[in-house]
Amino acid sequence: MVSITALLTLAASIAITAASPVPAGAPEPKSVDNCNITSVYPSYSGWGLGYKPKDTVMDTNLLYSYRLNEEYQLQYSEEILLEDCLEDCAGYGTANTCQGVHLGYMVPDEGSTAAPASQQVGCFLFNRPLTGNDFAPPPVNGTWTYPKSVNLYCPS
């Protein structure tokens, strides 16, 4: 006989899986419990509320990116959204293929610099560790706000 607890656990896991915001073809999330995670900040002063990866970094080092819809991201804390992004980085390709992550709010749609219509969160995965020189001010005030940039190394 199946217990009610087991059924509730199964139902909860199905609901979480069904609500996943990551598009098809995304990396398979992998735990970062045994990884070294370090924060990275811009090397220029006065970055205030926002900064973004420079266009050259986006063009040459970006592995994968996605934007979360407002409905999904408003349900979760910034810490959980960053952890999801880190787990996607850890699961991208073979070990340590992805080494840098940038998470930002009010991220414009791809190919645009205008502020999005809603509070859109973007997760960006990079093929190398990020440095303070990899960032620039956002082209439009009110975009790329409350960023978190981290490097990830997971021992094999």
N, C-alpha and C. Protein backbone atom coordinates (compact mmCIF):
# COMPACT_ATOMS: atom_id res chain seq x y z
N MET A 1 0.84 -1.18 0.00
CA MET A 1 0.00 0.00 0.00
C MET A 1 0.89 1.25 0.00
N VAL A 2 0.54 2.22 -0.79
CA VAL A 2 1.30 3.46 -0.91
C VAL A 2 0.81 4.45 0.15
N SER A 3 1.76 5.07 0.85
CA SER A 3 1.39 6.02 1.90
C SER A 3 0.96 7.35 1.28
N ILE A 4 0.20 8.11 2.04
CA ILE A 4 -0.23 9.44 1.59
C ILE A 4 0.99 10.35 1.42
N THR A 5 1.98 10.22 2.32
CA THR A 5 3.19 11.04 2.21
C THR A 5 3.90 10.78 0.90
N ALA A 6 4.01 9.52 0.50
CA ALA A 6 4.67 9.18 -0.76
C ALA A 6 3.92 9.78 -1.94
N LEU A 7 2.60 9.71 -1.91
CA LEU A 7 1.80 10.28 -2.99
C LEU A 7 1.93 11.80 -3.06
N LEU A 8 1.93 12.47 -1.89
CA LEU A 8 2.08 13.91 -1.88
C LEU A 8 3.46 14.33 -2.39
N THR A 9 4.49 13.57 -2.01
CA THR A 9 5.84 13.85 -2.49
C THR A 9 5.92 13.70 -4.00
N LEU A 10 5.32 12.63 -4.52
CA LEU A 10 5.30 12.40 -5.97
C LEU A 10 4.54 13.52 -6.67
N ALA A 11 3.40 13.91 -6.14
CA ALA A 11 2.60 14.97 -6.76
C ALA A 11 3.37 16.29 -6.76
N ALA A 12 4.07 16.59 -5.67
CA ALA A 12 4.84 17.83 -5.59
C ALA A 12 5.97 17.82 -6.61
N SER A 13 6.65 16.68 -6.76
CA SER A 13 7.76 16.63 -7.72
C SER A 13 7.26 16.75 -9.14
N ILE A 14 6.10 16.20 -9.44
CA ILE A 14 5.52 16.33 -10.78
C ILE A 14 5.14 17.78 -11.04
N ALA A 15 4.57 18.46 -10.06
CA ALA A 15 4.18 19.86 -10.22
C ALA A 15 5.40 20.74 -10.45
N ILE A 16 6.47 20.50 -9.71
CA ILE A 16 7.69 21.29 -9.88
C ILE A 16 8.28 21.06 -11.26
N THR A 17 8.33 19.80 -11.69
CA THR A 17 8.87 19.48 -13.00
C THR A 17 8.04 20.13 -14.11
N ALA A 18 6.74 20.08 -13.98
CA ALA A 18 5.87 20.63 -15.01
C ALA A 18 5.99 22.14 -15.12
N ALA A 19 6.36 22.81 -14.02
CA ALA A 19 6.43 24.26 -14.03
C ALA A 19 7.80 24.79 -14.40
N SER A 20 8.72 23.92 -14.72
CA SER A 20 10.09 24.33 -15.01
C SER A 20 10.13 25.39 -16.11
N PRO A 21 10.83 26.53 -15.85
CA PRO A 21 10.85 27.62 -16.82
C PRO A 21 11.93 27.48 -17.88
N VAL A 22 12.83 26.54 -17.72
CA VAL A 22 13.97 26.43 -18.62
C VAL A 22 13.52 25.80 -19.93
N PRO A 23 13.87 26.41 -21.05
CA PRO A 23 13.41 25.92 -22.34
C PRO A 23 14.00 24.57 -22.73
N ALA A 24 13.39 23.94 -23.70
CA ALA A 24 13.89 22.67 -24.22
C ALA A 24 15.31 22.84 -24.72
N GLY A 25 16.12 21.82 -24.55
CA GLY A 25 17.50 21.87 -24.97
C GLY A 25 18.43 22.49 -23.95
N ALA A 26 17.88 22.88 -22.80
CA ALA A 26 18.68 23.49 -21.74
C ALA A 26 19.58 22.45 -21.09
N PRO A 27 20.62 22.91 -20.39
CA PRO A 27 21.48 21.98 -19.67
C PRO A 27 20.68 21.19 -18.63
N GLU A 28 21.14 20.00 -18.34
CA GLU A 28 20.52 19.19 -17.28
C GLU A 28 21.06 19.67 -15.94
N PRO A 29 20.22 20.23 -15.06
CA PRO A 29 20.72 20.76 -13.79
C PRO A 29 21.49 19.70 -12.99
N LYS A 30 22.55 20.14 -12.35
CA LYS A 30 23.41 19.27 -11.56
C LYS A 30 23.73 19.97 -10.24
N SER A 31 23.76 19.23 -9.16
CA SER A 31 24.03 19.80 -7.84
C SER A 31 25.37 20.53 -7.81
N VAL A 32 25.41 21.62 -7.07
CA VAL A 32 26.64 22.39 -6.90
C VAL A 32 27.16 22.29 -5.46
N ASP A 33 26.67 21.30 -4.73
CA ASP A 33 27.04 21.15 -3.32
C ASP A 33 28.54 21.01 -3.11
N ASN A 34 29.25 20.37 -4.02
CA ASN A 34 30.69 20.15 -3.86
C ASN A 34 31.53 21.08 -4.72
N CYS A 35 30.95 22.17 -5.19
CA CYS A 35 31.65 23.10 -6.08
C CYS A 35 32.15 24.32 -5.31
N ASN A 36 33.18 24.93 -5.84
CA ASN A 36 33.68 26.20 -5.31
C ASN A 36 32.98 27.31 -6.07
N ILE A 37 32.35 28.22 -5.33
CA ILE A 37 31.59 29.32 -5.92
C ILE A 37 32.15 30.63 -5.40
N THR A 38 32.53 31.52 -6.29
CA THR A 38 33.07 32.82 -5.88
C THR A 38 32.35 33.94 -6.61
N SER A 39 32.05 35.00 -5.89
CA SER A 39 31.39 36.17 -6.48
C SER A 39 32.39 37.01 -7.25
N VAL A 40 31.90 37.69 -8.27
CA VAL A 40 32.71 38.58 -9.11
C VAL A 40 31.97 39.92 -9.20
N TYR A 41 32.74 41.01 -9.12
CA TYR A 41 32.16 42.34 -9.21
C TYR A 41 32.90 43.15 -10.27
N PRO A 42 32.23 44.15 -10.87
CA PRO A 42 32.90 44.98 -11.87
C PRO A 42 34.14 45.66 -11.30
N SER A 43 35.13 45.87 -12.14
CA SER A 43 36.35 46.53 -11.70
C SER A 43 36.21 48.05 -11.76
N TYR A 44 35.18 48.58 -12.43
CA TYR A 44 35.00 50.03 -12.47
C TYR A 44 34.14 50.46 -11.29
N SER A 45 34.31 51.69 -10.84
CA SER A 45 33.56 52.17 -9.68
C SER A 45 32.21 52.75 -10.11
N GLY A 46 31.33 52.86 -9.16
CA GLY A 46 30.05 53.49 -9.40
C GLY A 46 29.06 52.64 -10.17
N TRP A 47 29.15 51.30 -10.04
CA TRP A 47 28.24 50.46 -10.82
C TRP A 47 26.83 50.45 -10.25
N GLY A 48 26.62 50.95 -9.07
CA GLY A 48 25.27 51.13 -8.53
C GLY A 48 24.42 49.88 -8.56
N LEU A 49 23.21 50.01 -9.12
CA LEU A 49 22.26 48.90 -9.11
C LEU A 49 22.43 47.92 -10.26
N GLY A 50 23.17 48.30 -11.31
CA GLY A 50 23.21 47.41 -12.45
C GLY A 50 24.53 47.39 -13.19
N TYR A 51 24.81 46.23 -13.76
CA TYR A 51 25.91 46.06 -14.69
C TYR A 51 25.61 44.84 -15.53
N LYS A 52 26.26 44.75 -16.68
CA LYS A 52 26.01 43.65 -17.60
C LYS A 52 27.33 43.13 -18.14
N PRO A 53 27.35 41.89 -18.62
CA PRO A 53 28.56 41.42 -19.31
C PRO A 53 28.77 42.27 -20.57
N LYS A 54 30.05 42.60 -20.84
CA LYS A 54 30.36 43.36 -22.05
C LYS A 54 29.93 42.58 -23.29
N ASP A 55 29.64 43.29 -24.35
CA ASP A 55 29.21 42.65 -25.60
C ASP A 55 30.26 41.66 -26.10
N THR A 56 31.55 41.99 -25.96
CA THR A 56 32.60 41.06 -26.43
C THR A 56 32.56 39.75 -25.66
N VAL A 57 32.27 39.82 -24.38
CA VAL A 57 32.17 38.61 -23.55
C VAL A 57 30.94 37.80 -23.97
N MET A 58 29.84 38.50 -24.22
CA MET A 58 28.62 37.82 -24.66
C MET A 58 28.84 37.16 -26.03
N ASP A 59 29.55 37.83 -26.91
CA ASP A 59 29.77 37.31 -28.27
C ASP A 59 30.74 36.13 -28.30
N THR A 60 31.77 36.15 -27.46
CA THR A 60 32.82 35.12 -27.57
C THR A 60 32.78 34.05 -26.49
N ASN A 61 32.14 34.31 -25.35
CA ASN A 61 32.21 33.35 -24.25
C ASN A 61 30.87 32.83 -23.75
N LEU A 62 29.78 33.30 -24.31
CA LEU A 62 28.46 32.85 -23.87
C LEU A 62 28.18 31.44 -24.39
N LEU A 63 27.85 30.55 -23.47
CA LEU A 63 27.49 29.17 -23.85
C LEU A 63 25.99 29.04 -24.06
N TYR A 64 25.22 29.65 -23.16
CA TYR A 64 23.78 29.44 -23.14
C TYR A 64 23.15 30.55 -22.31
N SER A 65 21.94 30.95 -22.66
CA SER A 65 21.21 31.91 -21.84
C SER A 65 19.72 31.64 -21.95
N TYR A 66 19.01 32.07 -20.93
CA TYR A 66 17.55 32.02 -20.97
C TYR A 66 17.00 33.12 -20.07
N ARG A 67 15.76 33.47 -20.34
CA ARG A 67 15.07 34.48 -19.55
C ARG A 67 13.86 33.82 -18.91
N LEU A 68 13.66 34.13 -17.65
CA LEU A 68 12.53 33.55 -16.90
C LEU A 68 11.35 34.50 -16.99
N ASN A 69 10.18 33.92 -17.18
CA ASN A 69 9.01 34.78 -17.22
C ASN A 69 8.68 35.27 -15.81
N GLU A 70 8.00 36.40 -15.74
CA GLU A 70 7.71 37.05 -14.47
C GLU A 70 6.90 36.13 -13.54
N GLU A 71 5.98 35.39 -14.10
CA GLU A 71 5.14 34.52 -13.29
C GLU A 71 5.98 33.51 -12.51
N TYR A 72 6.97 32.92 -13.17
CA TYR A 72 7.83 31.94 -12.50
C TYR A 72 8.76 32.62 -11.51
N GLN A 73 9.48 33.63 -11.94
CA GLN A 73 10.53 34.18 -11.09
C GLN A 73 9.99 34.91 -9.87
N LEU A 74 8.79 35.43 -9.90
CA LEU A 74 8.23 36.09 -8.72
C LEU A 74 7.88 35.10 -7.61
N GLN A 75 7.82 33.81 -7.94
CA GLN A 75 7.51 32.79 -6.94
C GLN A 75 8.72 32.40 -6.11
N TYR A 76 9.92 32.77 -6.54
CA TYR A 76 11.14 32.28 -5.91
C TYR A 76 12.06 33.41 -5.51
N SER A 77 12.85 33.18 -4.47
CA SER A 77 13.80 34.18 -4.00
C SER A 77 14.97 34.30 -4.98
N GLU A 78 15.69 35.39 -4.84
CA GLU A 78 16.88 35.61 -5.66
C GLU A 78 17.90 34.48 -5.46
N GLU A 79 18.01 33.99 -4.23
CA GLU A 79 18.95 32.90 -3.94
C GLU A 79 18.60 31.63 -4.70
N ILE A 80 17.31 31.32 -4.77
CA ILE A 80 16.87 30.12 -5.48
C ILE A 80 17.08 30.28 -6.98
N LEU A 81 16.79 31.47 -7.51
CA LEU A 81 17.01 31.71 -8.94
C LEU A 81 18.48 31.59 -9.29
N LEU A 82 19.37 32.12 -8.43
CA LEU A 82 20.81 32.00 -8.67
C LEU A 82 21.25 30.55 -8.56
N GLU A 83 20.73 29.83 -7.58
CA GLU A 83 21.08 28.41 -7.45
C GLU A 83 20.65 27.62 -8.68
N ASP A 84 19.46 27.90 -9.21
CA ASP A 84 19.00 27.24 -10.44
C ASP A 84 19.97 27.52 -11.59
N CYS A 85 20.39 28.77 -11.71
CA CYS A 85 21.32 29.16 -12.78
C CYS A 85 22.66 28.44 -12.59
N LEU A 86 23.15 28.37 -11.36
CA LEU A 86 24.41 27.66 -11.07
C LEU A 86 24.29 26.17 -11.38
N GLU A 87 23.17 25.57 -11.03
CA GLU A 87 22.97 24.14 -11.31
C GLU A 87 22.92 23.89 -12.81
N ASP A 88 22.35 24.82 -13.57
CA ASP A 88 22.37 24.69 -15.03
C ASP A 88 23.80 24.79 -15.55
N CYS A 89 24.60 25.68 -14.97
CA CYS A 89 26.00 25.82 -15.37
C CYS A 89 26.75 24.51 -15.09
N ALA A 90 26.56 23.95 -13.90
CA ALA A 90 27.24 22.70 -13.53
C ALA A 90 26.84 21.55 -14.45
N GLY A 91 25.63 21.58 -14.97
CA GLY A 91 25.14 20.51 -15.82
C GLY A 91 25.39 20.72 -17.30
N TYR A 92 26.05 21.83 -17.67
CA TYR A 92 26.28 22.13 -19.08
C TYR A 92 27.50 21.34 -19.58
N GLY A 93 27.31 20.49 -20.55
CA GLY A 93 28.42 19.74 -21.16
C GLY A 93 29.15 18.85 -20.16
N THR A 94 30.45 18.71 -20.36
CA THR A 94 31.25 17.91 -19.44
C THR A 94 31.68 18.79 -18.26
N ALA A 95 32.34 18.18 -17.29
CA ALA A 95 32.73 18.89 -16.08
C ALA A 95 33.47 20.19 -16.40
N ASN A 96 33.01 21.27 -15.79
CA ASN A 96 33.63 22.60 -15.89
C ASN A 96 33.65 23.19 -17.29
N THR A 97 32.75 22.74 -18.17
CA THR A 97 32.58 23.42 -19.45
C THR A 97 32.08 24.84 -19.20
N CYS A 98 31.14 24.96 -18.28
CA CYS A 98 30.62 26.27 -17.86
C CYS A 98 31.33 26.65 -16.58
N GLN A 99 31.90 27.87 -16.57
CA GLN A 99 32.65 28.30 -15.40
C GLN A 99 32.22 29.66 -14.85
N GLY A 100 31.34 30.36 -15.55
CA GLY A 100 30.88 31.67 -15.09
C GLY A 100 29.39 31.82 -15.30
N VAL A 101 28.74 32.52 -14.36
CA VAL A 101 27.29 32.73 -14.41
C VAL A 101 26.99 34.20 -14.13
N HIS A 102 26.02 34.74 -14.86
CA HIS A 102 25.52 36.09 -14.57
C HIS A 102 24.01 36.01 -14.52
N LEU A 103 23.44 36.52 -13.43
CA LEU A 103 21.99 36.59 -13.26
C LEU A 103 21.63 38.05 -13.07
N GLY A 104 20.64 38.53 -13.81
CA GLY A 104 20.23 39.93 -13.68
C GLY A 104 18.73 40.07 -13.83
N TYR A 105 18.20 41.13 -13.23
CA TYR A 105 16.79 41.48 -13.35
C TYR A 105 16.64 42.57 -14.41
N MET A 106 15.43 42.70 -14.93
CA MET A 106 15.12 43.70 -15.96
C MET A 106 16.07 43.54 -17.15
N VAL A 107 16.30 42.30 -17.53
CA VAL A 107 17.17 41.99 -18.66
C VAL A 107 16.37 42.16 -19.95
N PRO A 108 16.88 42.98 -20.87
CA PRO A 108 16.15 43.19 -22.13
C PRO A 108 16.02 41.89 -22.93
N ASP A 109 15.03 41.87 -23.79
CA ASP A 109 14.88 40.75 -24.71
C ASP A 109 16.13 40.67 -25.58
N GLU A 110 16.43 39.49 -26.08
CA GLU A 110 17.61 39.31 -26.93
C GLU A 110 17.55 40.27 -28.12
N GLY A 111 18.66 40.94 -28.37
CA GLY A 111 18.74 41.87 -29.49
C GLY A 111 18.21 43.26 -29.20
N SER A 112 17.76 43.50 -27.97
CA SER A 112 17.20 44.79 -27.60
C SER A 112 18.00 45.40 -26.45
N THR A 113 17.97 46.71 -26.33
CA THR A 113 18.55 47.37 -25.16
C THR A 113 17.47 47.99 -24.30
N ALA A 114 16.23 48.00 -24.78
CA ALA A 114 15.12 48.61 -24.05
C ALA A 114 14.74 47.76 -22.84
N ALA A 115 14.25 48.43 -21.82
CA ALA A 115 13.78 47.72 -20.64
C ALA A 115 12.61 46.81 -21.04
N PRO A 116 12.57 45.60 -20.51
CA PRO A 116 11.45 44.71 -20.83
C PRO A 116 10.15 45.20 -20.21
N ALA A 117 9.05 44.73 -20.73
CA ALA A 117 7.73 45.15 -20.24
C ALA A 117 7.47 44.65 -18.81
N SER A 118 8.10 43.55 -18.44
CA SER A 118 7.91 43.02 -17.09
C SER A 118 9.29 42.76 -16.47
N GLN A 119 9.30 42.45 -15.19
CA GLN A 119 10.55 42.23 -14.47
C GLN A 119 11.16 40.90 -14.88
N GLN A 120 11.78 40.87 -16.02
CA GLN A 120 12.34 39.66 -16.60
C GLN A 120 13.73 39.37 -16.02
N VAL A 121 13.95 38.13 -15.60
CA VAL A 121 15.24 37.70 -15.06
C VAL A 121 15.95 36.90 -16.13
N GLY A 122 17.25 37.16 -16.30
CA GLY A 122 18.05 36.43 -17.28
C GLY A 122 19.17 35.67 -16.61
N CYS A 123 19.42 34.45 -17.08
CA CYS A 123 20.53 33.61 -16.63
C CYS A 123 21.46 33.41 -17.82
N PHE A 124 22.75 33.70 -17.61
CA PHE A 124 23.74 33.63 -18.68
C PHE A 124 24.90 32.74 -18.22
N LEU A 125 25.25 31.75 -19.05
CA LEU A 125 26.30 30.79 -18.72
C LEU A 125 27.50 31.02 -19.64
N PHE A 126 28.71 31.05 -19.06
CA PHE A 126 29.92 31.36 -19.80
C PHE A 126 30.95 30.24 -19.73
N ASN A 127 31.79 30.17 -20.76
CA ASN A 127 32.76 29.08 -20.88
C ASN A 127 34.09 29.34 -20.16
N ARG A 128 34.14 30.39 -19.38
CA ARG A 128 35.36 30.69 -18.62
C ARG A 128 34.96 31.48 -17.37
N PRO A 129 35.87 31.54 -16.39
CA PRO A 129 35.56 32.37 -15.21
C PRO A 129 35.45 33.84 -15.62
N LEU A 130 34.55 34.54 -14.99
CA LEU A 130 34.38 35.97 -15.25
C LEU A 130 35.34 36.77 -14.38
N THR A 131 35.76 37.94 -14.88
CA THR A 131 36.62 38.84 -14.11
C THR A 131 35.93 40.19 -14.00
N GLY A 132 36.46 41.05 -13.15
CA GLY A 132 35.89 42.38 -12.99
C GLY A 132 35.91 43.21 -14.26
N ASN A 133 36.83 42.90 -15.17
CA ASN A 133 36.93 43.64 -16.43
C ASN A 133 35.94 43.17 -17.49
N ASP A 134 35.13 42.17 -17.17
CA ASP A 134 34.17 41.62 -18.14
C ASP A 134 32.83 42.35 -18.13
N PHE A 135 32.69 43.40 -17.32
CA PHE A 135 31.39 44.04 -17.15
C PHE A 135 31.40 45.49 -17.60
N ALA A 136 30.22 45.96 -17.96
CA ALA A 136 30.03 47.35 -18.40
C ALA A 136 28.72 47.86 -17.82
N PRO A 137 28.57 49.18 -17.75
CA PRO A 137 27.27 49.73 -17.31
C PRO A 137 26.19 49.35 -18.32
N PRO A 138 24.96 49.22 -17.85
CA PRO A 138 23.87 48.91 -18.80
C PRO A 138 23.66 50.09 -19.74
N PRO A 139 23.28 49.83 -21.01
CA PRO A 139 23.09 50.91 -21.97
C PRO A 139 21.86 51.77 -21.66
N VAL A 140 20.92 51.23 -20.90
CA VAL A 140 19.70 51.96 -20.56
C VAL A 140 19.50 51.85 -19.05
N ASN A 141 19.31 53.00 -18.39
CA ASN A 141 19.04 52.99 -16.95
C ASN A 141 17.84 52.12 -16.64
N GLY A 142 17.91 51.39 -15.55
CA GLY A 142 16.79 50.54 -15.15
C GLY A 142 16.83 49.15 -15.75
N THR A 143 17.88 48.83 -16.51
CA THR A 143 18.03 47.47 -17.04
C THR A 143 19.22 46.81 -16.36
N TRP A 144 19.28 45.48 -16.44
CA TRP A 144 20.36 44.69 -15.86
C TRP A 144 20.54 45.00 -14.38
N THR A 145 19.44 45.12 -13.64
CA THR A 145 19.51 45.51 -12.23
C THR A 145 19.74 44.31 -11.32
N TYR A 146 20.19 44.60 -10.12
CA TYR A 146 20.43 43.62 -9.07
C TYR A 146 21.17 42.38 -9.59
N PRO A 147 22.28 42.59 -10.28
CA PRO A 147 22.99 41.46 -10.87
C PRO A 147 23.76 40.65 -9.82
N LYS A 148 23.96 39.40 -10.16
CA LYS A 148 24.82 38.49 -9.40
C LYS A 148 25.71 37.80 -10.42
N SER A 149 27.01 37.92 -10.24
CA SER A 149 27.95 37.25 -11.13
C SER A 149 28.84 36.36 -10.28
N VAL A 150 28.95 35.11 -10.68
CA VAL A 150 29.73 34.15 -9.90
C VAL A 150 30.51 33.23 -10.81
N ASN A 151 31.61 32.72 -10.28
CA ASN A 151 32.38 31.71 -10.96
C ASN A 151 32.17 30.39 -10.24
N LEU A 152 32.26 29.32 -11.00
CA LEU A 152 31.96 27.99 -10.50
C LEU A 152 33.05 27.02 -10.93
N TYR A 153 33.58 26.27 -9.97
CA TYR A 153 34.51 25.20 -10.29
C TYR A 153 34.08 23.98 -9.50
N CYS A 154 33.83 22.90 -10.19
CA CYS A 154 33.38 21.65 -9.57
C CYS A 154 34.44 20.57 -9.74
N PRO A 155 35.12 20.19 -8.65
CA PRO A 155 36.12 19.13 -8.75
C PRO A 155 35.49 17.84 -9.26
N SER A 156 36.22 17.12 -10.07
CA SER A 156 35.71 15.85 -10.63
C SER A 156 35.71 14.75 -9.60
